[in-house]
PDB file of all heavy atoms in Angstrom:
ATOM      1  N   GLY A   1      -1.408   9.151  40.696  1.00  0.00           N
ATOM      2  CA  GLY A   1      -2.092  10.185  39.940  1.00  0.00           C
ATOM      3  C   GLY A   1      -2.973   9.657  38.827  1.00  0.00           C
ATOM      4  O   GLY A   1      -3.320  10.407  37.908  1.00  0.00           O
ATOM      5  N   ASP A   2      -3.352   8.405  38.891  1.00  0.00           N
ATOM      6  CA  ASP A   2      -4.091   7.783  37.794  1.00  0.00           C
ATOM      7  C   ASP A   2      -5.482   8.389  37.612  1.00  0.00           C
ATOM      8  O   ASP A   2      -5.968   8.532  36.494  1.00  0.00           O
ATOM      9  CB  ASP A   2      -4.212   6.278  38.066  1.00  0.00           C
ATOM     10  CG  ASP A   2      -4.565   5.501  36.811  1.00  0.00           C
ATOM     11  OD1 ASP A   2      -4.220   5.965  35.723  1.00  0.00           O
ATOM     12  OD2 ASP A   2      -5.185   4.430  36.928  1.00  0.00           O
ATOM     13  N   ALA A   3      -6.138   8.750  38.706  1.00  0.00           N
ATOM     14  CA  ALA A   3      -7.508   9.263  38.628  1.00  0.00           C
ATOM     15  C   ALA A   3      -7.560  10.776  38.434  1.00  0.00           C
ATOM     16  O   ALA A   3      -8.369  11.277  37.645  1.00  0.00           O
ATOM     17  CB  ALA A   3      -8.281   8.867  39.890  1.00  0.00           C
ATOM     18  N   HIS A   4      -6.711  11.505  39.160  1.00  0.00           N
ATOM     19  CA  HIS A   4      -6.728  12.972  39.102  1.00  0.00           C
ATOM     20  C   HIS A   4      -5.285  13.486  39.086  1.00  0.00           C
ATOM     21  O   HIS A   4      -4.733  13.848  40.134  1.00  0.00           O
ATOM     22  CB  HIS A   4      -7.476  13.556  40.294  1.00  0.00           C
ATOM     23  CG  HIS A   4      -8.865  13.022  40.460  1.00  0.00           C
ATOM     24  ND1 HIS A   4      -9.925  13.442  39.681  1.00  0.00           N
ATOM     25  CD2 HIS A   4      -9.371  12.093  41.316  1.00  0.00           C
ATOM     26  CE1 HIS A   4     -11.017  12.806  40.050  1.00  0.00           C
ATOM     27  NE2 HIS A   4     -10.713  11.979  41.040  1.00  0.00           N
ATOM     28  N   PRO A   5      -4.647  13.537  37.916  1.00  0.00           N
ATOM     29  CA  PRO A   5      -3.233  13.947  37.832  1.00  0.00           C
ATOM     30  C   PRO A   5      -2.970  15.340  38.381  1.00  0.00           C
ATOM     31  O   PRO A   5      -1.953  15.568  39.047  1.00  0.00           O
ATOM     32  CB  PRO A   5      -2.941  13.893  36.323  1.00  0.00           C
ATOM     33  CG  PRO A   5      -3.974  12.976  35.772  1.00  0.00           C
ATOM     34  CD  PRO A   5      -5.197  13.169  36.609  1.00  0.00           C
ATOM     35  N   GLY A   6      -3.859  16.296  38.112  1.00  0.00           N
ATOM     36  CA  GLY A   6      -3.657  17.658  38.607  1.00  0.00           C
ATOM     37  C   GLY A   6      -3.691  17.724  40.120  1.00  0.00           C
ATOM     38  O   GLY A   6      -2.855  18.401  40.742  1.00  0.00           O
ATOM     39  N   LEU A   7      -4.632  17.040  40.722  1.00  0.00           N
ATOM     40  CA  LEU A   7      -4.728  17.004  42.175  1.00  0.00           C
ATOM     41  C   LEU A   7      -3.516  16.307  42.784  1.00  0.00           C
ATOM     42  O   LEU A   7      -2.993  16.737  43.819  1.00  0.00           O
ATOM     43  CB  LEU A   7      -6.011  16.288  42.591  1.00  0.00           C
ATOM     44  CG  LEU A   7      -6.279  16.149  44.093  1.00  0.00           C
ATOM     45  CD1 LEU A   7      -6.415  17.519  44.744  1.00  0.00           C
ATOM     46  CD2 LEU A   7      -7.536  15.320  44.337  1.00  0.00           C
ATOM     47  N   PHE A   8      -3.078  15.255  42.131  1.00  0.00           N
ATOM     48  CA  PHE A   8      -1.889  14.531  42.599  1.00  0.00           C
ATOM     49  C   PHE A   8      -0.663  15.442  42.568  1.00  0.00           C
ATOM     50  O   PHE A   8       0.143  15.449  43.506  1.00  0.00           O
ATOM     51  CB  PHE A   8      -1.657  13.302  41.721  1.00  0.00           C
ATOM     52  CG  PHE A   8      -0.481  12.468  42.130  1.00  0.00           C
ATOM     53  CD1 PHE A   8      -0.572  11.583  43.193  1.00  0.00           C
ATOM     54  CD2 PHE A   8       0.721  12.570  41.446  1.00  0.00           C
ATOM     55  CE1 PHE A   8       0.513  10.803  43.574  1.00  0.00           C
ATOM     56  CE2 PHE A   8       1.815  11.807  41.810  1.00  0.00           C
ATOM     57  CZ  PHE A   8       1.707  10.907  42.878  1.00  0.00           C
ATOM     58  N   LEU A   9      -0.507  16.218  41.510  1.00  0.00           N
ATOM     59  CA  LEU A   9       0.631  17.128  41.377  1.00  0.00           C
ATOM     60  C   LEU A   9       0.624  18.186  42.470  1.00  0.00           C
ATOM     61  O   LEU A   9       1.625  18.381  43.164  1.00  0.00           O
ATOM     62  CB  LEU A   9       0.602  17.790  39.998  1.00  0.00           C
ATOM     63  CG  LEU A   9       1.594  18.937  39.768  1.00  0.00           C
ATOM     64  CD1 LEU A   9       3.023  18.435  39.896  1.00  0.00           C
ATOM     65  CD2 LEU A   9       1.365  19.584  38.408  1.00  0.00           C
ATOM     66  N   SER A  10      -0.496  18.881  42.637  1.00  0.00           N
ATOM     67  CA  SER A  10      -0.556  19.972  43.612  1.00  0.00           C
ATOM     68  C   SER A  10      -0.382  19.450  45.043  1.00  0.00           C
ATOM     69  O   SER A  10       0.337  20.058  45.850  1.00  0.00           O
ATOM     70  CB  SER A  10      -1.884  20.715  43.484  1.00  0.00           C
ATOM     71  OG  SER A  10      -2.985  19.838  43.671  1.00  0.00           O
ATOM     72  N   THR A  11      -0.998  18.317  45.356  1.00  0.00           N
ATOM     73  CA  THR A  11      -0.879  17.767  46.705  1.00  0.00           C
ATOM     74  C   THR A  11       0.540  17.296  46.988  1.00  0.00           C
ATOM     75  O   THR A  11       1.065  17.493  48.088  1.00  0.00           O
ATOM     76  CB  THR A  11      -1.866  16.600  46.894  1.00  0.00           C
ATOM     77  OG1 THR A  11      -3.180  17.025  46.558  1.00  0.00           O
ATOM     78  CG2 THR A  11      -1.848  16.114  48.327  1.00  0.00           C
ATOM     79  N   SER A  12       1.170  16.683  46.008  1.00  0.00           N
ATOM     80  CA  SER A  12       2.549  16.210  46.179  1.00  0.00           C
ATOM     81  C   SER A  12       3.511  17.364  46.415  1.00  0.00           C
ATOM     82  O   SER A  12       4.425  17.276  47.241  1.00  0.00           O
ATOM     83  CB  SER A  12       2.981  15.405  44.949  1.00  0.00           C
ATOM     84  OG  SER A  12       2.172  14.264  44.779  1.00  0.00           O
ATOM     85  N   ILE A  13       3.302  18.465  45.706  1.00  0.00           N
ATOM     86  CA  ILE A  13       4.165  19.637  45.881  1.00  0.00           C
ATOM     87  C   ILE A  13       3.982  20.229  47.275  1.00  0.00           C
ATOM     88  O   ILE A  13       4.962  20.581  47.949  1.00  0.00           O
ATOM     89  CB  ILE A  13       3.875  20.690  44.792  1.00  0.00           C
ATOM     90  CG1 ILE A  13       4.329  20.160  43.421  1.00  0.00           C
ATOM     91  CG2 ILE A  13       4.570  22.005  45.112  1.00  0.00           C
ATOM     92  CD1 ILE A  13       3.993  21.080  42.271  1.00  0.00           C
ATOM     93  N   VAL A  14       2.728  20.339  47.727  1.00  0.00           N
ATOM     94  CA  VAL A  14       2.459  20.848  49.079  1.00  0.00           C
ATOM     95  C   VAL A  14       3.098  19.929  50.122  1.00  0.00           C
ATOM     96  O   VAL A  14       3.715  20.387  51.088  1.00  0.00           O
ATOM     97  CB  VAL A  14       0.943  20.969  49.322  1.00  0.00           C
ATOM     98  CG1 VAL A  14       0.656  21.274  50.791  1.00  0.00           C
ATOM     99  CG2 VAL A  14       0.353  22.051  48.444  1.00  0.00           C
ATOM    100  N   PHE A  15       2.966  18.627  49.932  1.00  0.00           N
ATOM    101  CA  PHE A  15       3.546  17.647  50.851  1.00  0.00           C
ATOM    102  C   PHE A  15       5.064  17.780  50.900  1.00  0.00           C
ATOM    103  O   PHE A  15       5.682  17.732  51.981  1.00  0.00           O
ATOM    104  CB  PHE A  15       3.141  16.235  50.402  1.00  0.00           C
ATOM    105  CG  PHE A  15       3.283  15.189  51.458  1.00  0.00           C
ATOM    106  CD1 PHE A  15       3.274  15.514  52.810  1.00  0.00           C
ATOM    107  CD2 PHE A  15       3.411  13.857  51.108  1.00  0.00           C
ATOM    108  CE1 PHE A  15       3.388  14.536  53.787  1.00  0.00           C
ATOM    109  CE2 PHE A  15       3.524  12.866  52.074  1.00  0.00           C
ATOM    110  CZ  PHE A  15       3.515  13.215  53.408  1.00  0.00           C
ATOM    111  N   ALA A  16       5.682  17.978  49.739  1.00  0.00           N
ATOM    112  CA  ALA A  16       7.134  18.143  49.683  1.00  0.00           C
ATOM    113  C   ALA A  16       7.571  19.431  50.383  1.00  0.00           C
ATOM    114  O   ALA A  16       8.579  19.451  51.104  1.00  0.00           O
ATOM    115  CB  ALA A  16       7.604  18.146  48.229  1.00  0.00           C
ATOM    116  N   MET A  17       6.822  20.506  50.189  1.00  0.00           N
ATOM    117  CA  MET A  17       7.161  21.780  50.830  1.00  0.00           C
ATOM    118  C   MET A  17       7.061  21.672  52.348  1.00  0.00           C
ATOM    119  O   MET A  17       7.925  22.180  53.076  1.00  0.00           O
ATOM    120  CB  MET A  17       6.234  22.881  50.305  1.00  0.00           C
ATOM    121  CG  MET A  17       6.450  23.222  48.850  1.00  0.00           C
ATOM    122  SD  MET A  17       5.217  24.404  48.221  1.00  0.00           S
ATOM    123  CE  MET A  17       5.517  25.815  49.273  1.00  0.00           C
ATOM    124  N   ILE A  18       6.021  21.004  52.835  1.00  0.00           N
ATOM    125  CA  ILE A  18       5.876  20.815  54.287  1.00  0.00           C
ATOM    126  C   ILE A  18       7.020  19.972  54.833  1.00  0.00           C
ATOM    127  O   ILE A  18       7.576  20.272  55.894  1.00  0.00           O
ATOM    128  CB  ILE A  18       4.518  20.162  54.595  1.00  0.00           C
ATOM    129  CG1 ILE A  18       3.384  21.136  54.305  1.00  0.00           C
ATOM    130  CG2 ILE A  18       4.452  19.697  56.050  1.00  0.00           C
ATOM    131  CD1 ILE A  18       1.997  20.546  54.474  1.00  0.00           C
ATOM    132  N   SER A  19       7.395  18.931  54.109  1.00  0.00           N
ATOM    133  CA  SER A  19       8.485  18.048  54.559  1.00  0.00           C
ATOM    134  C   SER A  19       9.814  18.774  54.599  1.00  0.00           C
ATOM    135  O   SER A  19      10.596  18.596  55.539  1.00  0.00           O
ATOM    136  CB  SER A  19       8.567  16.829  53.636  1.00  0.00           C
ATOM    137  OG  SER A  19       7.350  16.121  53.604  1.00  0.00           O
ATOM    138  N   VAL A  20      10.081  19.590  53.585  1.00  0.00           N
ATOM    139  CA  VAL A  20      11.330  20.365  53.561  1.00  0.00           C
ATOM    140  C   VAL A  20      11.342  21.379  54.694  1.00  0.00           C
ATOM    141  O   VAL A  20      12.361  21.563  55.383  1.00  0.00           O
ATOM    142  CB  VAL A  20      11.502  21.066  52.197  1.00  0.00           C
ATOM    143  CG1 VAL A  20      12.676  22.043  52.242  1.00  0.00           C
ATOM    144  CG2 VAL A  20      11.719  20.035  51.093  1.00  0.00           C
ATOM    145  N   THR A  21      10.222  22.061  54.921  1.00  0.00           N
ATOM    146  CA  THR A  21      10.130  23.019  56.018  1.00  0.00           C
ATOM    147  C   THR A  21      10.350  22.327  57.353  1.00  0.00           C
ATOM    148  O   THR A  21      11.018  22.874  58.256  1.00  0.00           O
ATOM    149  CB  THR A  21       8.751  23.704  56.016  1.00  0.00           C
ATOM    150  OG1 THR A  21       8.542  24.351  54.760  1.00  0.00           O
ATOM    151  CG2 THR A  21       8.659  24.738  57.137  1.00  0.00           C
ATOM    152  N   ALA A  22       9.828  21.114  57.488  1.00  0.00           N
ATOM    153  CA  ALA A  22       9.983  20.367  58.743  1.00  0.00           C
ATOM    154  C   ALA A  22      11.427  20.007  59.023  1.00  0.00           C
ATOM    155  O   ALA A  22      11.826  19.884  60.188  1.00  0.00           O
ATOM    156  CB  ALA A  22       9.124  19.108  58.707  1.00  0.00           C
ATOM    157  N   VAL A  23      12.224  19.827  57.975  1.00  0.00           N
ATOM    158  CA  VAL A  23      13.649  19.541  58.179  1.00  0.00           C
ATOM    159  C   VAL A  23      14.304  20.646  59.002  1.00  0.00           C
ATOM    160  O   VAL A  23      15.063  20.384  59.951  1.00  0.00           O
ATOM    161  CB  VAL A  23      14.374  19.376  56.827  1.00  0.00           C
ATOM    162  CG1 VAL A  23      15.883  19.300  57.035  1.00  0.00           C
ATOM    163  CG2 VAL A  23      13.873  18.129  56.104  1.00  0.00           C
ATOM    164  N   PHE A  24      13.988  21.889  58.677  1.00  0.00           N
ATOM    165  CA  PHE A  24      14.579  23.030  59.380  1.00  0.00           C
ATOM    166  C   PHE A  24      13.931  23.255  60.743  1.00  0.00           C
ATOM    167  O   PHE A  24      14.618  23.559  61.723  1.00  0.00           O
ATOM    168  CB  PHE A  24      14.464  24.287  58.522  1.00  0.00           C
ATOM    169  CG  PHE A  24      15.207  24.200  57.225  1.00  0.00           C
ATOM    170  CD1 PHE A  24      14.554  23.890  56.044  1.00  0.00           C
ATOM    171  CD2 PHE A  24      16.580  24.418  57.191  1.00  0.00           C
ATOM    172  CE1 PHE A  24      15.242  23.799  54.849  1.00  0.00           C
ATOM    173  CE2 PHE A  24      17.286  24.327  55.998  1.00  0.00           C
ATOM    174  CZ  PHE A  24      16.620  24.012  54.823  1.00  0.00           C
ATOM    175  N   SER A  25      12.614  23.114  60.818  1.00  0.00           N
ATOM    176  CA  SER A  25      11.942  23.345  62.102  1.00  0.00           C
ATOM    177  C   SER A  25      12.346  22.300  63.130  1.00  0.00           C
ATOM    178  O   SER A  25      12.478  22.612  64.318  1.00  0.00           O
ATOM    179  CB  SER A  25      10.422  23.343  61.909  1.00  0.00           C
ATOM    180  OG  SER A  25       9.963  22.077  61.471  1.00  0.00           O
ATOM    181  N   ILE A  26      12.561  21.062  62.687  1.00  0.00           N
ATOM    182  CA  ILE A  26      13.033  20.028  63.611  1.00  0.00           C
ATOM    183  C   ILE A  26      14.471  20.305  64.033  1.00  0.00           C
ATOM    184  O   ILE A  26      14.840  20.119  65.199  1.00  0.00           O
ATOM    185  CB  ILE A  26      12.906  18.641  62.952  1.00  0.00           C
ATOM    186  CG1 ILE A  26      11.431  18.283  62.765  1.00  0.00           C
ATOM    187  CG2 ILE A  26      13.605  17.574  63.792  1.00  0.00           C
ATOM    188  CD1 ILE A  26      11.203  17.015  61.947  1.00  0.00           C
ATOM    189  N   HIS A  27      15.287  20.756  63.097  1.00  0.00           N
ATOM    190  CA  HIS A  27      16.685  21.075  63.422  1.00  0.00           C
ATOM    191  C   HIS A  27      16.761  22.200  64.449  1.00  0.00           C
ATOM    192  O   HIS A  27      17.559  22.145  65.397  1.00  0.00           O
ATOM    193  CB  HIS A  27      17.439  21.454  62.149  1.00  0.00           C
ATOM    194  CG  HIS A  27      18.859  21.873  62.392  1.00  0.00           C
ATOM    195  ND1 HIS A  27      19.860  20.978  62.729  1.00  0.00           N
ATOM    196  CD2 HIS A  27      19.444  23.101  62.366  1.00  0.00           C
ATOM    197  CE1 HIS A  27      21.006  21.620  62.893  1.00  0.00           C
ATOM    198  NE2 HIS A  27      20.780  22.914  62.672  1.00  0.00           N
ATOM    199  N   TRP A  28      15.923  23.217  64.274  1.00  0.00           N
ATOM    200  CA  TRP A  28      15.917  24.361  65.204  1.00  0.00           C
ATOM    201  C   TRP A  28      15.053  24.104  66.446  1.00  0.00           C
ATOM    202  O   TRP A  28      15.082  24.878  67.396  1.00  0.00           O
ATOM    203  CB  TRP A  28      15.419  25.621  64.479  1.00  0.00           C
ATOM    204  CG  TRP A  28      16.338  26.096  63.407  1.00  0.00           C
ATOM    205  CD1 TRP A  28      17.697  26.047  63.397  1.00  0.00           C
ATOM    206  CD2 TRP A  28      15.955  26.711  62.155  1.00  0.00           C
ATOM    207  NE1 TRP A  28      18.202  26.579  62.236  1.00  0.00           N
ATOM    208  CE2 TRP A  28      17.162  27.003  61.445  1.00  0.00           C
ATOM    209  CE3 TRP A  28      14.743  27.033  61.562  1.00  0.00           C
ATOM    210  CZ2 TRP A  28      17.165  27.594  60.191  1.00  0.00           C
ATOM    211  CZ3 TRP A  28      14.739  27.626  60.312  1.00  0.00           C
ATOM    212  CH2 TRP A  28      15.944  27.906  59.642  1.00  0.00           C
ATOM    213  N   ARG A  29      14.250  23.021  66.384  1.00  0.00           N
ATOM    214  CA  ARG A  29      13.356  22.651  67.490  1.00  0.00           C
ATOM    215  C   ARG A  29      12.364  23.761  67.835  1.00  0.00           C
ATOM    216  O   ARG A  29      12.115  24.069  69.002  1.00  0.00           O
ATOM    217  CB  ARG A  29      14.169  22.233  68.725  1.00  0.00           C
ATOM    218  CG  ARG A  29      15.070  21.044  68.452  1.00  0.00           C
ATOM    219  CD  ARG A  29      15.728  20.514  69.710  1.00  0.00           C
ATOM    220  NE  ARG A  29      16.550  19.335  69.400  1.00  0.00           N
ATOM    221  CZ  ARG A  29      17.196  18.612  70.298  1.00  0.00           C
ATOM    222  NH1 ARG A  29      17.119  18.953  71.593  1.00  0.00           N
ATOM    223  NH2 ARG A  29      17.915  17.567  69.940  1.00  0.00           N
ATOM    224  N   ILE A  30      11.847  24.381  66.789  1.00  0.00           N
ATOM    225  CA  ILE A  30      10.834  25.428  66.919  1.00  0.00           C
ATOM    226  C   ILE A  30       9.718  25.136  65.924  1.00  0.00           C
ATOM    227  O   ILE A  30       9.977  25.065  64.718  1.00  0.00           O
ATOM    228  CB  ILE A  30      11.424  26.829  66.633  1.00  0.00           C
ATOM    229  CG1 ILE A  30      12.545  27.147  67.616  1.00  0.00           C
ATOM    230  CG2 ILE A  30      10.332  27.886  66.696  1.00  0.00           C
ATOM    231  CD1 ILE A  30      13.258  28.447  67.302  1.00  0.00           C
ATOM    232  N   PRO A  31       8.475  24.953  66.364  1.00  0.00           N
ATOM    233  CA  PRO A  31       7.998  24.953  67.760  1.00  0.00           C
ATOM    234  C   PRO A  31       8.417  23.692  68.511  1.00  0.00           C
ATOM    235  O   PRO A  31       9.275  22.951  68.023  1.00  0.00           O
ATOM    236  CB  PRO A  31       6.471  25.027  67.600  1.00  0.00           C
ATOM    237  CG  PRO A  31       6.217  24.383  66.269  1.00  0.00           C
ATOM    238  CD  PRO A  31       7.382  24.753  65.402  1.00  0.00           C
ATOM    239  N   ASP A  32       7.796  23.444  69.656  1.00  0.00           N
ATOM    240  CA  ASP A  32       8.209  22.345  70.514  1.00  0.00           C
ATOM    241  C   ASP A  32       7.883  20.989  69.884  1.00  0.00           C
ATOM    242  O   ASP A  32       7.154  20.901  68.892  1.00  0.00           O
ATOM    243  CB  ASP A  32       7.528  22.455  71.889  1.00  0.00           C
ATOM    244  CG  ASP A  32       6.006  22.406  71.777  1.00  0.00           C
ATOM    245  OD1 ASP A  32       5.394  23.472  71.556  1.00  0.00           O
ATOM    246  OD2 ASP A  32       5.442  21.314  71.874  1.00  0.00           O
ATOM    247  N   TYR A  33       8.424  19.942  70.484  1.00  0.00           N
ATOM    248  CA  TYR A  33       8.303  18.589  69.941  1.00  0.00           C
ATOM    249  C   TYR A  33       6.851  18.148  69.769  1.00  0.00           C
ATOM    250  O   TYR A  33       6.457  17.652  68.703  1.00  0.00           O
ATOM    251  CB  TYR A  33       9.050  17.606  70.846  1.00  0.00           C
ATOM    252  CG  TYR A  33       8.783  16.160  70.523  1.00  0.00           C
ATOM    253  CD1 TYR A  33       9.470  15.526  69.487  1.00  0.00           C
ATOM    254  CD2 TYR A  33       7.835  15.423  71.235  1.00  0.00           C
ATOM    255  CE1 TYR A  33       9.221  14.200  69.170  1.00  0.00           C
ATOM    256  CE2 TYR A  33       7.583  14.101  70.927  1.00  0.00           C
ATOM    257  CZ  TYR A  33       8.278  13.493  69.894  1.00  0.00           C
ATOM    258  OH  TYR A  33       8.025  12.181  69.587  1.00  0.00           O
ATOM    259  N   ASP A  34       6.046  18.306  70.820  1.00  0.00           N
ATOM    260  CA  ASP A  34       4.657  17.843  70.767  1.00  0.00           C
ATOM    261  C   ASP A  34       3.873  18.540  69.659  1.00  0.00           C
ATOM    262  O   ASP A  34       3.081  17.908  68.941  1.00  0.00           O
ATOM    263  CB  ASP A  34       3.970  18.075  72.117  1.00  0.00           C
ATOM    264  CG  ASP A  34       4.497  17.153  73.198  1.00  0.00           C
ATOM    265  OD1 ASP A  34       4.984  16.056  72.855  1.00  0.00           O
ATOM    266  OD2 ASP A  34       4.438  17.526  74.384  1.00  0.00           O
ATOM    267  N   SER A  35       4.095  19.852  69.504  1.00  0.00           N
ATOM    268  CA  SER A  35       3.375  20.601  68.471  1.00  0.00           C
ATOM    269  C   SER A  35       3.766  20.134  67.076  1.00  0.00           C
ATOM    270  O   SER A  35       2.907  19.931  66.204  1.00  0.00           O
ATOM    271  CB  SER A  35       3.656  22.097  68.620  1.00  0.00           C
ATOM    272  OG  SER A  35       3.186  22.588  69.859  1.00  0.00           O
ATOM    273  N   GLN A  36       5.059  19.954  66.861  1.00  0.00           N
ATOM    274  CA  GLN A  36       5.513  19.521  65.542  1.00  0.00           C
ATOM    275  C   GLN A  36       5.029  18.115  65.214  1.00  0.00           C
ATOM    276  O   GLN A  36       4.580  17.839  64.091  1.00  0.00           O
ATOM    277  CB  GLN A  36       7.044  19.583  65.460  1.00  0.00           C
ATOM    278  CG  GLN A  36       7.601  20.983  65.454  1.00  0.00           C
ATOM    279  CD  GLN A  36       8.982  21.045  64.820  1.00  0.00           C
ATOM    280  OE1 GLN A  36       9.202  20.533  63.730  1.00  0.00           O
ATOM    281  NE2 GLN A  36       9.909  21.693  65.505  1.00  0.00           N
ATOM    282  N   ALA A  37       5.117  17.210  66.180  1.00  0.00           N
ATOM    283  CA  ALA A  37       4.679  15.836  65.942  1.00  0.00           C
ATOM    284  C   ALA A  37       3.188  15.794  65.606  1.00  0.00           C
ATOM    285  O   ALA A  37       2.757  15.070  64.694  1.00  0.00           O
ATOM    286  CB  ALA A  37       4.980  14.967  67.163  1.00  0.00           C
ATOM    287  N   ALA A  38       2.387  16.577  66.326  1.00  0.00           N
ATOM    288  CA  ALA A  38       0.942  16.594  66.086  1.00  0.00           C
ATOM    289  C   ALA A  38       0.607  17.210  64.729  1.00  0.00           C
ATOM    290  O   ALA A  38      -0.218  16.676  63.971  1.00  0.00           O
ATOM    291  CB  ALA A  38       0.244  17.363  67.203  1.00  0.00           C
ATOM    292  N   LEU A  39       1.234  18.338  64.397  1.00  0.00           N
ATOM    293  CA  LEU A  39       0.946  19.014  63.134  1.00  0.00           C
ATOM    294  C   LEU A  39       1.389  18.182  61.933  1.00  0.00           C
ATOM    295  O   LEU A  39       0.670  18.099  60.926  1.00  0.00           O
ATOM    296  CB  LEU A  39       1.640  20.377  63.111  1.00  0.00           C
ATOM    297  CG  LEU A  39       1.059  21.445  64.052  1.00  0.00           C
ATOM    298  CD1 LEU A  39       1.945  22.679  64.064  1.00  0.00           C
ATOM    299  CD2 LEU A  39      -0.360  21.805  63.647  1.00  0.00           C
ATOM    300  N   LEU A  40       2.549  17.555  62.037  1.00  0.00           N
ATOM    301  CA  LEU A  40       3.034  16.734  60.928  1.00  0.00           C
ATOM    302  C   LEU A  40       2.179  15.480  60.753  1.00  0.00           C
ATOM    303  O   LEU A  40       1.961  15.025  59.629  1.00  0.00           O
ATOM    304  CB  LEU A  40       4.501  16.361  61.153  1.00  0.00           C
ATOM    305  CG  LEU A  40       5.490  17.524  61.016  1.00  0.00           C
ATOM    306  CD1 LEU A  40       6.899  17.087  61.423  1.00  0.00           C
ATOM    307  CD2 LEU A  40       5.503  18.054  59.577  1.00  0.00           C
ATOM    308  N   SER A  41       1.691  14.929  61.849  1.00  0.00           N
ATOM    309  CA  SER A  41       0.802  13.772  61.754  1.00  0.00           C
ATOM    310  C   SER A  41      -0.505  14.157  61.066  1.00  0.00           C
ATOM    311  O   SER A  41      -1.043  13.399  60.247  1.00  0.00           O
ATOM    312  CB  SER A  41       0.508  13.208  63.152  1.00  0.00           C
ATOM    313  OG  SER A  41       1.688  12.685  63.742  1.00  0.00           O
ATOM    314  N   PHE A  42      -1.009  15.345  61.384  1.00  0.00           N
ATOM    315  CA  PHE A  42      -2.219  15.832  60.722  1.00  0.00           C
ATOM    316  C   PHE A  42      -1.978  16.010  59.223  1.00  0.00           C
ATOM    317  O   PHE A  42      -2.832  15.644  58.399  1.00  0.00           O
ATOM    318  CB  PHE A  42      -2.662  17.151  61.339  1.00  0.00           C
ATOM    319  CG  PHE A  42      -3.900  17.734  60.717  1.00  0.00           C
ATOM    320  CD1 PHE A  42      -5.155  17.263  61.087  1.00  0.00           C
ATOM    321  CD2 PHE A  42      -3.822  18.733  59.764  1.00  0.00           C
ATOM    322  CE1 PHE A  42      -6.304  17.779  60.500  1.00  0.00           C
ATOM    323  CE2 PHE A  42      -4.960  19.263  59.184  1.00  0.00           C
ATOM    324  CZ  PHE A  42      -6.216  18.785  59.560  1.00  0.00           C
ATOM    325  N   ALA A  43      -0.824  16.558  58.874  1.00  0.00           N
ATOM    326  CA  ALA A  43      -0.486  16.737  57.458  1.00  0.00           C
ATOM    327  C   ALA A  43      -0.377  15.395  56.759  1.00  0.00           C
ATOM    328  O   ALA A  43      -0.838  15.240  55.606  1.00  0.00           O
ATOM    329  CB  ALA A  43       0.827  17.511  57.334  1.00  0.00           C
ATOM    330  N   ASP A  44       0.212  14.411  57.429  1.00  0.00           N
ATOM    331  CA  ASP A  44       0.331  13.075  56.833  1.00  0.00           C
ATOM    332  C   ASP A  44      -1.035  12.488  56.508  1.00  0.00           C
ATOM    333  O   ASP A  44      -1.272  12.018  55.387  1.00  0.00           O
ATOM    334  CB  ASP A  44       1.074  12.134  57.792  1.00  0.00           C
ATOM    335  CG  ASP A  44       2.553  12.440  57.887  1.00  0.00           C
ATOM    336  OD1 ASP A  44       3.086  13.098  56.975  1.00  0.00           O
ATOM    337  OD2 ASP A  44       3.180  12.025  58.883  1.00  0.00           O
ATOM    338  N   VAL A  45      -1.919  12.502  57.486  1.00  0.00           N
ATOM    339  CA  VAL A  45      -3.243  11.899  57.292  1.00  0.00           C
ATOM    340  C   VAL A  45      -4.001  12.617  56.181  1.00  0.00           C
ATOM    341  O   VAL A  45      -4.567  11.984  55.277  1.00  0.00           O
ATOM    342  CB  VAL A  45      -4.053  11.927  58.603  1.00  0.00           C
ATOM    343  CG1 VAL A  45      -5.495  11.504  58.350  1.00  0.00           C
ATOM    344  CG2 VAL A  45      -3.416  11.022  59.648  1.00  0.00           C
ATOM    345  N   THR A  46      -3.990  13.941  56.208  1.00  0.00           N
ATOM    346  CA  THR A  46      -4.751  14.723  55.230  1.00  0.00           C
ATOM    347  C   THR A  46      -4.201  14.563  53.817  1.00  0.00           C
ATOM    348  O   THR A  46      -4.931  14.216  52.878  1.00  0.00           O
ATOM    349  CB  THR A  46      -4.741  16.207  55.620  1.00  0.00           C
ATOM    350  OG1 THR A  46      -5.251  16.365  56.949  1.00  0.00           O
ATOM    351  CG2 THR A  46      -5.590  17.020  54.658  1.00  0.00           C
TER     352      THR A  46
END
């Protein structure tokens, strides 16, 4: 967060929320494996 602390904060919170949500979606296996792997990879890169 050295260059843009506010952006770092908001992005980190969104990233944490997606990761926590993925814990449950992976446990329930909804949606399917390929969809989750692709969507989470997109979230990682972005």
